[in-house]
Amino acid sequence: MGTQYSWENSQNRKLFSPARSFHQPPNKTLVITTILNEPYMMKVEDENGIRYEGYCVDLIEAIADDLKFQYKIKEVDDGSYGRKNDLGEWNGMIRELIDGKADMAIADLTITYVREEAVDFTMPFMNLGISILFKKPTKKVPKLFSFLSPLSVEVWLYMATAFLGVSLFLFIVARFSAYEWVNPHPCDLEPEELENQFTLLNTLWFTIGCLMCQGCDITPRANSTRMIAVMWWFFTLIMVSSYTANLAAFLTVERLASPIESAEDLAKQTTIPYGCVASGSTQSFFKQESEFPTYKRMWSFMESQRPSVFTDNNLKGVERVKKGNYAFLMESTTIEFIVERNCELTQVGGLLDSKGYGIATPHGSPYRTHMSSAILKLQENGKLHVLKDLWWKKMRLSQKCAKDDATGSSSASELGLANVGGVFLVLICGVFLGCIIVVFEFVWKSRKVPSEERYKKKKIMERNTLYTLLGSRRPVEVERGEACLVNKRSAAIGAFCHVHENVLAEFAVRKG
């Protein structure tokens, strides 16, 4: 070994400072135990035989290049990370370190308090936490009337109430205001009657025209009605602007319906089972170390489920998630790797805890300090980040998954018929309603033709239909109650024209 500095504390325990150099003992090849788990450690068979590759292989290679030592990799015999049973006995990689079968263990091995009682760990080469792997939520099928979604049902009801209320108040105010009663015939200086344009139907037409931003041929004259109109215009400006701004997001961005968004959501429900690896640190976190009520409730649920929600390894857990209706609790870094290669899967929620992966060595091993120094050096020069980016986002990546934002919605896309189908339905219903109304108007008008014209109803219908479809003009049909009024108006207009002609003639004579 290289030169070391040591001192003794008050309890006569030797504490070692980092060594200046690392020298491998002669004829000594370090044995590294590991466990297969993509992308940390993977076995590859080719024409040259069996070899290992992955993040941990590149990591130990970089450390070996720095510290100048030789090593060989062996897989753990029982395929376990290391768990202590009720008798206090360990299995997996931890057991092999205790028995001296290996000099160190490198894998996605979590640093825990229980494990540190049995072995030593280097400083973490990767920080992570427990998170939830779940099948990506399905896209919600757009509702037929999705164009109504920007505003809640309550807001739509309040708007309808405001429309009817303002229309009624405008009608009443216009009736009481003297300035809204005007002469229908400006040429008649002494009219027998005044006219108010704000009938109930006209008032409804005015307010709906303002609400639809289409305007109207009816304009208020009195200051009182103008004040109501201005306030209604301001109200419609704000509401229409808010609706338009929200409509773009609702129609162009697809919303994803996910039954769970966090660990709290998992704990509150019982329809979606969830679990973790049976002999890993994640199970230990829920079983022994968690004091949070939510996590205790989750552990009770997982322990009571039959069939068991626990899996032998991460791969089986991922396959179970792919089948649907199952959530798998595992390390966040492994979830990141899986999500990059399985576009139907996603990470749900944040981290449940904070921990790290480290290289394990037997108690009192002289290699631990040098390993920690080498890891710190790789971290400072960015080598650890480069390795993670290589194995997570580049190596063995057949396709690139489209990223979803944190709110659970995909990027904007073109609108389909499902998005705007309700608008077409409203248009079609409106057109058909107009056709029905015109039939009633046609029949009603035909019934009011005076009997003096001696047309039978059948003939009237035939003639009106002919004129309506083929002609651009038709004779005027005078209703019973309107005949006298028409005669009076005709006489007045005739008298006015006669007076006008006399004035022009007299003016011409004087000028001549």
Protein backbone atom coordinates (compact mmCIF):
# COMPACT_ATOMS: atom_id res chain seq x y z
CA MET A 1 0.00 0.00 0.00
CA GLY A 2 1.01 3.62 -0.50
CA THR A 3 1.97 6.11 2.15
CA GLN A 4 -0.79 6.81 4.69
CA TYR A 5 -1.28 9.24 7.52
CA SER A 6 -3.04 8.08 10.64
CA TRP A 7 -3.85 9.24 14.12
CA GLU A 8 -5.76 7.95 17.10
CA ASN A 9 -8.79 9.55 18.67
CA SER A 10 -9.67 9.53 22.35
CA GLN A 11 -11.25 6.10 22.01
CA ASN A 12 -8.08 4.59 20.48
CA ARG A 13 -9.77 4.04 17.11
CA LYS A 14 -7.52 4.65 14.14
CA LEU A 15 -8.82 7.12 11.58
CA PHE A 16 -7.08 7.24 8.22
CA SER A 17 -6.66 10.24 5.98
CA PRO A 18 -6.74 9.76 2.21
CA ALA A 19 -3.63 8.05 0.95
CA ARG A 20 -1.37 9.84 -1.47
CA SER A 21 -1.17 6.89 -3.83
CA PHE A 22 -2.67 3.47 -4.34
CA HIS A 23 -0.53 0.41 -4.95
CA GLN A 24 -2.03 -2.98 -5.60
CA PRO A 25 -0.37 -5.83 -3.68
CA PRO A 26 1.84 -8.04 -5.87
CA ASN A 27 0.01 -10.80 -7.77
CA LYS A 28 -3.30 -9.53 -6.41
CA THR A 29 -6.35 -9.14 -8.66
CA LEU A 30 -9.29 -7.52 -6.94
CA VAL A 31 -12.49 -9.56 -7.09
CA ILE A 32 -15.59 -7.45 -7.70
CA THR A 33 -18.97 -9.02 -7.06
CA THR A 34 -21.95 -7.63 -8.91
CA ILE A 35 -25.50 -8.33 -9.99
CA LEU A 36 -26.95 -8.02 -13.48
CA ASN A 37 -29.27 -5.06 -13.88
CA GLU A 38 -29.52 -2.86 -16.93
CA PRO A 39 -27.86 -0.38 -17.47
CA TYR A 40 -25.52 -0.77 -14.50
CA MET A 41 -24.21 -4.24 -15.29
CA MET A 42 -25.01 -6.31 -18.40
CA LYS A 43 -23.57 -9.54 -19.75
CA VAL A 44 -22.69 -9.70 -23.44
CA GLU A 45 -21.78 -12.87 -25.33
CA ASP A 46 -19.92 -12.58 -28.63
CA GLU A 47 -17.25 -14.42 -30.62
CA ASN A 48 -14.65 -13.41 -28.04
CA GLY A 49 -16.60 -14.97 -25.20
CA ILE A 50 -18.47 -13.41 -22.30
CA ARG A 51 -17.85 -9.83 -21.26
CA TYR A 52 -19.60 -7.23 -19.13
CA GLU A 53 -20.66 -3.72 -20.02
CA GLY A 54 -22.67 -0.93 -18.49
CA TYR A 55 -22.43 2.11 -16.28
CA CYS A 56 -20.72 0.29 -13.41
CA VAL A 57 -18.21 -1.33 -15.77
CA ASP A 58 -17.19 2.05 -17.17
CA LEU A 59 -17.09 3.47 -13.64
CA ILE A 60 -14.79 0.80 -12.22
CA GLU A 61 -12.66 1.00 -15.37
CA ALA A 62 -12.21 4.74 -14.85
CA ILE A 63 -11.33 4.17 -11.18
CA ALA A 64 -8.88 1.38 -12.09
CA ASP A 65 -7.19 3.63 -14.65
CA ASP A 66 -6.77 6.30 -12.00
CA LEU A 67 -5.61 4.04 -9.16
CA LYS A 68 -3.72 1.54 -11.35
CA PHE A 69 -5.09 -1.81 -10.23
CA GLN A 70 -6.37 -4.97 -11.88
CA TYR A 71 -9.73 -6.56 -11.23
CA LYS A 72 -12.12 -9.26 -12.31
CA ILE A 73 -15.91 -9.23 -12.20
CA LYS A 74 -18.01 -12.09 -10.86
CA GLU A 75 -21.76 -12.37 -10.52
CA VAL A 76 -23.20 -12.88 -7.07
CA ASP A 77 -24.05 -16.52 -6.50
CA ASP A 78 -27.60 -16.14 -5.19
CA GLY A 79 -28.58 -13.18 -7.39
CA SER A 80 -29.41 -10.95 -4.42
CA TYR A 81 -28.25 -7.49 -3.43
CA GLY A 82 -28.03 -8.27 0.25
CA ARG A 83 -30.67 -8.62 2.91
CA LYS A 84 -30.48 -9.55 6.59
CA ASN A 85 -32.95 -12.17 7.76
CA ASP A 86 -34.56 -12.53 11.16
CA LEU A 87 -31.53 -14.47 12.45
CA GLY A 88 -29.20 -11.61 11.56
CA GLU A 89 -27.62 -13.44 8.62
CA TRP A 90 -26.93 -11.70 5.34
CA ASN A 91 -27.25 -12.95 1.79
CA GLY A 92 -26.28 -11.65 -1.64
CA MET A 93 -23.34 -9.39 -2.32
CA ILE A 94 -23.15 -8.25 1.31
CA ARG A 95 -22.65 -11.87 2.39
CA GLU A 96 -19.83 -12.40 -0.10
CA LEU A 97 -18.01 -9.33 1.22
CA ILE A 98 -18.37 -10.53 4.80
CA ASP A 99 -17.11 -14.02 3.88
CA GLY A 100 -14.15 -12.57 1.98
CA LYS A 101 -15.23 -13.97 -1.37
CA ALA A 102 -14.97 -10.51 -2.94
CA ASP A 103 -12.95 -7.38 -2.30
CA MET A 104 -15.72 -4.99 -3.25
CA ALA A 105 -19.25 -4.92 -4.63
CA ILE A 106 -20.28 -2.54 -7.37
CA ALA A 107 -23.83 -2.35 -8.69
CA ASP A 108 -26.94 -0.31 -8.12
CA LEU A 109 -26.40 -1.07 -4.43
CA THR A 110 -28.13 1.41 -2.13
CA ILE A 111 -26.31 2.79 0.88
CA THR A 112 -28.43 2.06 3.97
CA TYR A 113 -27.85 2.19 7.70
CA VAL A 114 -28.42 -1.55 8.11
CA ARG A 115 -25.94 -2.42 5.37
CA GLU A 116 -23.32 -0.05 6.78
CA GLU A 117 -23.40 -2.05 9.98
CA ALA A 118 -22.14 -5.04 7.98
CA VAL A 119 -19.87 -3.43 5.35
CA ASP A 120 -18.29 -0.09 4.46
CA PHE A 121 -19.39 2.13 1.60
CA THR A 122 -17.56 4.68 -0.47
CA MET A 123 -19.05 8.10 -1.07
CA PRO A 124 -22.09 7.86 -3.40
CA PHE A 125 -21.38 7.81 -7.10
CA MET A 126 -25.06 8.45 -7.87
CA ASN A 127 -27.82 10.17 -5.89
CA LEU A 128 -31.42 9.06 -6.21
CA GLY A 129 -34.64 8.30 -4.38
CA ILE A 130 -37.63 5.99 -4.46
CA SER A 131 -40.25 6.89 -7.03
CA ILE A 132 -43.23 5.30 -8.80
CA LEU A 133 -43.19 3.62 -12.21
CA PHE A 134 -46.61 3.51 -13.81
CA LYS A 135 -48.15 2.97 -17.21
CA LYS A 136 -48.57 6.25 -19.04
CA PRO A 137 -52.13 7.54 -18.73
CA THR A 138 -54.35 7.17 -21.75
CA LYS A 139 -55.43 10.18 -23.72
CA LYS A 140 -58.88 11.39 -22.84
CA VAL A 141 -61.39 11.14 -25.66
CA PRO A 142 -62.58 14.70 -26.36
CA LYS A 143 -66.16 15.32 -25.38
CA LEU A 144 -68.68 16.29 -28.03
CA PHE A 145 -69.22 19.66 -26.39
CA SER A 146 -65.59 20.20 -25.38
CA PHE A 147 -65.84 23.80 -26.58
CA LEU A 148 -67.81 24.44 -23.38
CA SER A 149 -64.94 23.23 -21.18
CA PRO A 150 -63.07 26.55 -20.82
CA LEU A 151 -65.81 27.75 -18.47
CA SER A 152 -67.34 25.78 -15.63
CA VAL A 153 -71.01 24.87 -15.47
CA GLU A 154 -71.54 27.50 -12.78
CA VAL A 155 -70.06 30.23 -14.96
CA TRP A 156 -72.25 29.23 -17.91
CA LEU A 157 -75.33 29.37 -15.68
CA TYR A 158 -74.33 32.76 -14.30
CA MET A 159 -73.76 34.06 -17.83
CA ALA A 160 -77.19 32.85 -18.95
CA THR A 161 -78.74 34.49 -15.90
CA ALA A 162 -76.85 37.71 -16.61
CA PHE A 163 -78.01 37.66 -20.23
CA LEU A 164 -81.67 37.29 -19.28
CA GLY A 165 -81.41 39.72 -16.38
CA VAL A 166 -79.72 42.49 -18.38
CA SER A 167 -82.18 42.02 -21.23
CA LEU A 168 -85.13 42.36 -18.86
CA PHE A 169 -83.70 45.43 -17.11
CA LEU A 170 -82.85 47.07 -20.43
CA PHE A 171 -86.38 46.44 -21.66
CA ILE A 172 -87.93 47.96 -18.51
CA VAL A 173 -85.61 50.99 -18.45
CA ALA A 174 -86.21 51.64 -22.14
CA ARG A 175 -89.95 51.59 -21.50
CA PHE A 176 -89.70 54.12 -18.68
CA SER A 177 -87.24 56.43 -20.43
CA ALA A 178 -88.97 59.16 -22.45
CA TYR A 179 -85.99 59.46 -24.77
CA GLU A 180 -86.51 55.96 -26.15
CA TRP A 181 -90.00 56.85 -27.44
CA VAL A 182 -89.51 58.48 -30.86
CA ASN A 183 -91.57 59.50 -33.86
CA PRO A 184 -91.62 56.63 -36.35
CA HIS A 185 -92.30 59.07 -39.24
CA PRO A 186 -89.97 62.09 -39.08
CA CYS A 187 -91.87 63.82 -41.90
CA ASP A 188 -95.01 63.85 -39.79
CA LEU A 189 -94.55 66.82 -37.46
CA GLU A 190 -97.61 65.95 -35.40
CA PRO A 191 -97.53 62.16 -35.01
CA GLU A 192 -100.45 60.38 -33.50
CA GLU A 193 -98.23 57.78 -31.78
CA LEU A 194 -94.59 57.21 -30.70
CA GLU A 195 -92.53 54.06 -31.17
CA ASN A 196 -90.06 52.30 -28.85
CA GLN A 197 -87.50 50.10 -30.61
CA PHE A 198 -86.70 48.09 -27.47
CA THR A 199 -89.40 45.49 -27.62
CA LEU A 200 -88.74 42.33 -25.64
CA LEU A 201 -87.52 40.41 -28.68
CA ASN A 202 -85.42 43.33 -29.91
CA THR A 203 -83.83 43.69 -26.48
CA LEU A 204 -82.88 40.00 -26.44
CA TRP A 205 -81.50 40.41 -29.96
CA PHE A 206 -79.42 43.42 -28.87
CA THR A 207 -77.85 41.68 -25.85
CA ILE A 208 -77.11 38.44 -27.70
CA GLY A 209 -75.55 40.39 -30.56
CA CYS A 210 -73.23 42.14 -28.12
CA LEU A 211 -72.37 38.86 -26.42
CA MET A 212 -71.44 37.28 -29.75
CA CYS A 213 -69.41 40.37 -30.72
CA GLN A 214 -71.55 40.85 -33.82
CA GLY A 215 -73.25 44.14 -32.97
CA CYS A 216 -76.83 45.07 -33.74
CA ASP A 217 -78.82 47.59 -35.82
CA ILE A 218 -80.57 48.72 -32.64
CA THR A 219 -78.79 51.40 -30.64
CA PRO A 220 -79.85 52.93 -27.31
CA ARG A 221 -80.72 56.65 -27.33
CA ALA A 222 -81.27 57.51 -23.67
CA ASN A 223 -78.39 57.92 -21.22
CA SER A 224 -79.90 55.33 -18.91
CA THR A 225 -80.06 52.63 -21.58
CA ARG A 226 -76.62 53.59 -22.85
CA MET A 227 -75.16 53.10 -19.36
CA ILE A 228 -76.64 49.60 -19.19
CA ALA A 229 -75.34 48.88 -22.69
CA VAL A 230 -71.81 50.06 -21.82
CA MET A 231 -71.67 47.84 -18.73
CA TRP A 232 -72.92 44.89 -20.76
CA TRP A 233 -70.27 45.54 -23.41
CA PHE A 234 -67.57 45.62 -20.71
CA PHE A 235 -68.86 42.37 -19.23
CA THR A 236 -68.91 40.62 -22.61
CA LEU A 237 -65.40 41.92 -23.43
CA ILE A 238 -63.91 40.30 -20.33
CA MET A 239 -65.86 37.06 -20.59
CA VAL A 240 -65.28 36.55 -24.31
CA SER A 241 -61.56 37.32 -23.95
CA SER A 242 -61.22 34.87 -21.06
CA TYR A 243 -63.14 32.19 -22.93
CA THR A 244 -61.05 32.63 -26.09
CA ALA A 245 -57.76 32.47 -24.21
CA ASN A 246 -58.80 29.31 -22.39
CA LEU A 247 -60.34 27.68 -25.44
CA ALA A 248 -57.02 27.50 -27.29
CA ALA A 249 -55.46 25.47 -24.49
CA PHE A 250 -58.45 23.16 -24.09
CA LEU A 251 -58.77 22.32 -27.79
CA THR A 252 -55.13 22.13 -28.90
CA VAL A 253 -53.52 20.48 -25.86
CA GLU A 254 -54.55 16.92 -25.12
CA ARG A 255 -55.21 16.21 -21.47
CA LEU A 256 -54.02 12.93 -20.01
CA ALA A 257 -56.19 11.17 -17.47
CA SER A 258 -54.02 9.58 -14.76
CA PRO A 259 -55.62 7.85 -11.76
CA ILE A 260 -52.58 8.57 -9.56
CA GLU A 261 -50.28 11.57 -9.32
CA SER A 262 -48.31 10.87 -6.13
CA ALA A 263 -47.65 8.38 -3.35
CA GLU A 264 -50.53 9.91 -1.40
CA ASP A 265 -52.88 9.00 -4.25
CA LEU A 266 -51.62 5.42 -4.13
CA ALA A 267 -52.15 5.19 -0.39
CA LYS A 268 -55.71 6.53 -0.60
CA GLN A 269 -56.94 3.92 -3.08
CA THR A 270 -57.10 0.12 -3.22
CA THR A 271 -58.01 -0.59 -6.85
CA ILE A 272 -54.46 -0.29 -8.21
CA PRO A 273 -52.00 -2.70 -6.52
CA TYR A 274 -48.40 -1.60 -6.05
CA GLY A 275 -45.21 -3.24 -4.86
CA CYS A 276 -41.42 -3.40 -5.07
CA VAL A 277 -38.51 -5.86 -5.20
CA ALA A 278 -38.82 -8.39 -2.38
CA SER A 279 -35.27 -8.22 -1.02
CA GLY A 280 -34.16 -4.68 -1.77
CA SER A 281 -33.65 -1.41 0.01
CA THR A 282 -37.03 -0.14 -1.21
CA GLN A 283 -38.84 -2.82 0.74
CA SER A 284 -36.69 -2.09 3.79
CA PHE A 285 -37.61 1.57 3.55
CA PHE A 286 -41.32 0.81 3.86
CA LYS A 287 -40.94 -2.06 6.31
CA GLN A 288 -38.51 -0.72 8.89
CA GLU A 289 -37.38 2.84 8.41
CA SER A 290 -40.50 4.76 7.49
CA GLU A 291 -42.27 6.75 10.21
CA PHE A 292 -44.52 8.66 7.84
CA PRO A 293 -48.20 7.56 8.15
CA THR A 294 -48.69 7.43 4.38
CA TYR A 295 -45.77 5.04 3.90
CA LYS A 296 -46.90 2.88 6.81
CA ARG A 297 -50.33 2.58 5.23
CA MET A 298 -48.70 1.67 1.92
CA TRP A 299 -46.63 -1.07 3.57
CA SER A 300 -49.69 -2.54 5.26
CA PHE A 301 -51.47 -2.63 1.91
CA MET A 302 -48.52 -4.26 0.10
CA GLU A 303 -48.07 -6.87 2.82
CA SER A 304 -51.75 -7.86 2.81
CA GLN A 305 -52.14 -8.33 -0.93
CA ARG A 306 -52.67 -11.79 -2.40
CA PRO A 307 -51.23 -12.68 -4.82
CA SER A 308 -48.07 -10.96 -3.68
CA VAL A 309 -47.28 -7.54 -5.11
CA PHE A 310 -43.54 -8.07 -4.56
CA THR A 311 -41.27 -9.21 -7.40
CA ASP A 312 -37.97 -11.06 -7.57
CA ASN A 313 -36.26 -8.28 -9.53
CA ASN A 314 -36.86 -4.99 -11.30
CA LEU A 315 -37.40 -6.61 -14.69
CA LYS A 316 -40.41 -8.58 -13.49
CA GLY A 317 -41.81 -5.47 -11.88
CA VAL A 318 -41.49 -3.51 -15.12
CA GLU A 319 -43.22 -6.27 -17.08
CA ARG A 320 -46.06 -6.23 -14.60
CA VAL A 321 -46.43 -2.47 -14.99
CA LYS A 322 -46.63 -2.85 -18.77
CA LYS A 323 -49.62 -5.18 -18.38
CA GLY A 324 -51.50 -2.37 -16.67
CA ASN A 325 -53.20 -1.69 -13.34
CA TYR A 326 -49.99 -1.97 -11.33
CA ALA A 327 -47.52 0.57 -9.91
CA PHE A 328 -43.92 -0.38 -9.16
CA LEU A 329 -41.84 1.38 -6.50
CA MET A 330 -38.16 1.52 -7.41
CA GLU A 331 -35.12 3.78 -7.63
CA SER A 332 -35.66 6.95 -9.64
CA THR A 333 -32.51 6.52 -11.73
CA THR A 334 -33.64 3.10 -12.91
CA ILE A 335 -37.05 4.55 -13.70
CA GLU A 336 -35.39 7.25 -15.84
CA PHE A 337 -33.59 4.55 -17.82
CA ILE A 338 -36.73 2.46 -18.29
CA VAL A 339 -38.91 5.42 -19.32
CA GLU A 340 -36.38 6.42 -21.99
CA ARG A 341 -36.84 3.01 -23.64
CA ASN A 342 -40.51 2.30 -22.95
CA CYS A 343 -42.66 5.11 -24.24
CA GLU A 344 -45.80 3.66 -22.66
CA LEU A 345 -44.33 4.02 -19.15
CA THR A 346 -43.79 7.13 -17.04
CA GLN A 347 -42.56 8.29 -13.65
CA VAL A 348 -45.32 9.45 -11.32
CA GLY A 349 -44.74 12.02 -8.61
CA GLY A 350 -41.48 13.04 -6.99
CA LEU A 351 -39.02 11.23 -4.72
CA LEU A 352 -40.15 9.51 -1.55
CA ASP A 353 -36.68 9.66 0.01
CA SER A 354 -33.08 10.60 -0.74
CA LYS A 355 -30.19 8.14 -0.89
CA GLY A 356 -27.28 7.07 -3.06
CA TYR A 357 -25.47 4.18 -4.71
CA GLY A 358 -22.01 3.37 -3.41
CA ILE A 359 -19.25 0.80 -3.77
CA ALA A 360 -19.29 -1.63 -0.83
CA THR A 361 -16.13 -3.03 0.76
CA PRO A 362 -15.54 -5.23 3.81
CA HIS A 363 -15.11 -3.51 7.16
CA GLY A 364 -11.61 -2.09 7.48
CA SER A 365 -10.81 -2.51 3.80
CA PRO A 366 -7.82 -0.37 2.70
CA TYR A 367 -9.46 0.23 -0.69
CA ARG A 368 -12.44 2.26 0.53
CA THR A 369 -10.66 5.58 1.03
CA HIS A 370 -8.92 5.46 -2.33
CA MET A 371 -12.16 4.55 -4.06
CA SER A 372 -13.95 7.52 -2.49
CA SER A 373 -11.17 9.86 -3.60
CA ALA A 374 -11.36 8.54 -7.15
CA ILE A 375 -15.17 8.92 -7.22
CA LEU A 376 -14.88 12.49 -5.95
CA LYS A 377 -12.37 13.24 -8.70
CA LEU A 378 -14.68 11.78 -11.36
CA GLN A 379 -17.56 13.81 -9.99
CA GLU A 380 -15.62 17.07 -10.07
CA ASN A 381 -14.40 16.64 -13.65
CA GLY A 382 -17.90 15.72 -14.89
CA LYS A 383 -17.06 12.14 -15.80
CA LEU A 384 -19.94 10.70 -13.76
CA HIS A 385 -22.45 12.91 -15.57
CA VAL A 386 -21.01 11.92 -18.94
CA LEU A 387 -21.29 8.22 -18.07
CA LYS A 388 -24.90 8.56 -16.97
CA ASP A 389 -25.86 10.53 -20.07
CA LEU A 390 -24.15 7.89 -22.23
CA TRP A 391 -25.89 4.85 -20.75
CA TRP A 392 -29.26 6.44 -20.07
CA LYS A 393 -29.86 8.43 -23.25
CA LYS A 394 -27.56 7.04 -25.95
CA MET A 395 -26.55 3.41 -25.53
CA ARG A 396 -29.06 0.71 -26.46
CA LEU A 397 -31.67 3.31 -27.32
CA SER A 398 -33.79 2.19 -30.28
CA GLN A 399 -36.26 5.08 -30.24
CA LYS A 400 -36.66 8.49 -28.69
CA CYS A 401 -39.82 8.97 -26.70
CA ALA A 402 -41.71 12.24 -26.94
CA LYS A 403 -41.50 14.16 -23.70
CA ASP A 404 -44.63 15.18 -21.83
CA ASP A 405 -44.68 18.21 -19.60
CA ALA A 406 -45.10 18.05 -15.89
CA THR A 407 -48.82 18.83 -15.98
CA GLY A 408 -49.62 15.62 -17.79
CA SER A 409 -50.54 17.08 -21.14
CA SER A 410 -48.96 16.52 -24.52
CA SER A 411 -47.84 19.16 -26.95
CA ALA A 412 -50.27 21.08 -29.10
CA SER A 413 -51.62 19.18 -32.08
CA GLU A 414 -54.07 19.72 -34.88
CA LEU A 415 -57.75 19.68 -34.06
CA GLY A 416 -59.82 16.68 -35.07
CA LEU A 417 -63.55 16.27 -35.52
CA ALA A 418 -63.80 14.96 -31.97
CA ASN A 419 -62.56 18.32 -30.68
CA VAL A 420 -64.97 20.54 -32.62
CA GLY A 421 -67.80 18.12 -33.40
CA GLY A 422 -70.10 19.84 -30.93
CA VAL A 423 -69.74 23.15 -32.77
CA PHE A 424 -70.92 21.51 -36.01
CA LEU A 425 -73.80 19.90 -34.13
CA VAL A 426 -74.89 23.27 -32.74
CA LEU A 427 -74.70 24.76 -36.25
CA ILE A 428 -76.81 21.97 -37.77
CA CYS A 429 -79.39 22.20 -34.98
CA GLY A 430 -79.58 25.97 -35.42
CA VAL A 431 -80.12 25.68 -39.17
CA PHE A 432 -82.87 23.08 -38.73
CA LEU A 433 -84.51 25.19 -36.04
CA GLY A 434 -84.49 28.16 -38.41
CA CYS A 435 -86.16 26.01 -41.10
CA ILE A 436 -88.88 24.96 -38.67
CA ILE A 437 -89.48 28.56 -37.62
CA VAL A 438 -89.76 29.77 -41.22
CA VAL A 439 -92.45 27.16 -41.89
CA PHE A 440 -94.47 28.47 -38.95
CA GLU A 441 -93.92 32.06 -40.15
CA PHE A 442 -94.99 31.11 -43.65
CA VAL A 443 -98.18 29.45 -42.44
CA TRP A 444 -98.97 32.22 -39.97
CA LYS A 445 -98.55 34.95 -42.58
CA SER A 446 -100.67 33.11 -45.11
CA ARG A 447 -103.55 32.75 -42.64
CA LYS A 448 -103.68 36.52 -42.10
CA VAL A 449 -104.32 37.42 -45.75
CA PRO A 450 -107.65 39.35 -45.97
CA SER A 451 -110.63 37.44 -47.31
CA GLU A 452 -111.41 40.31 -49.72
CA GLU A 453 -108.63 39.13 -51.99
CA ARG A 454 -110.61 35.90 -52.41
CA TYR A 455 -107.72 33.55 -52.34
CA LYS A 456 -108.21 30.20 -50.91
CA LYS A 457 -105.63 29.03 -48.44
CA LYS A 458 -104.43 26.33 -50.76
CA LYS A 459 -103.93 28.77 -53.61
CA ILE A 460 -102.14 31.18 -51.28
CA MET A 461 -99.71 28.50 -50.24
CA GLU A 462 -99.04 27.48 -53.84
CA ARG A 463 -98.56 31.06 -55.00
CA ASN A 464 -96.31 32.03 -52.09
CA THR A 465 -94.21 28.93 -52.57
CA LEU A 466 -93.83 29.73 -56.27
CA TYR A 467 -92.80 33.32 -55.59
CA THR A 468 -90.48 32.28 -52.79
CA LEU A 469 -88.60 29.72 -54.84
CA LEU A 470 -88.55 31.33 -58.30
CA GLY A 471 -89.14 35.05 -57.99
CA SER A 472 -87.41 38.00 -56.38
CA ARG A 473 -90.62 40.06 -56.01
CA ARG A 474 -94.19 39.33 -55.00
CA PRO A 475 -97.38 41.32 -54.42
CA VAL A 476 -97.95 42.88 -50.99
CA GLU A 477 -100.39 40.97 -48.80
CA VAL A 478 -102.27 43.26 -46.45
CA GLU A 479 -103.41 41.79 -43.16
CA ARG A 480 -106.88 42.44 -41.76
CA GLY A 481 -105.86 44.82 -39.04
CA GLU A 482 -103.38 46.67 -41.22
CA ALA A 483 -105.63 47.62 -44.15
CA CYS A 484 -106.94 50.86 -42.62
CA LEU A 485 -103.52 51.89 -41.44
CA VAL A 486 -102.05 51.32 -44.87
CA ASN A 487 -104.81 53.42 -46.46
CA LYS A 488 -104.15 56.28 -44.03
CA ARG A 489 -100.42 56.13 -44.65
CA SER A 490 -100.99 56.07 -48.42
CA ALA A 491 -103.27 59.10 -48.21
CA ALA A 492 -100.76 60.98 -46.06
CA ILE A 493 -97.92 60.19 -48.41
CA GLY A 494 -100.06 61.22 -51.40
CA ALA A 495 -100.94 64.54 -49.77
CA PHE A 496 -97.32 65.15 -48.92
CA CYS A 497 -96.23 64.46 -52.48
CA HIS A 498 -99.02 66.72 -53.83
CA VAL A 499 -97.93 69.60 -51.57
CA HIS A 500 -94.33 69.02 -52.54
CA GLU A 501 -95.19 69.22 -56.24
CA ASN A 502 -97.16 72.47 -55.73
CA VAL A 503 -94.23 74.05 -53.87
CA LEU A 504 -91.83 73.15 -56.63
CA ALA A 505 -94.17 74.50 -59.30
CA GLU A 506 -94.64 77.80 -57.44
CA PHE A 507 -90.90 78.12 -56.95
CA ALA A 508 -90.33 77.57 -60.66
CA VAL A 509 -92.89 80.26 -61.59
CA ARG A 510 -91.31 82.83 -59.25
CA LYS A 511 -87.86 82.09 -60.55
CA GLY A 512 -89.04 82.48 -64.12
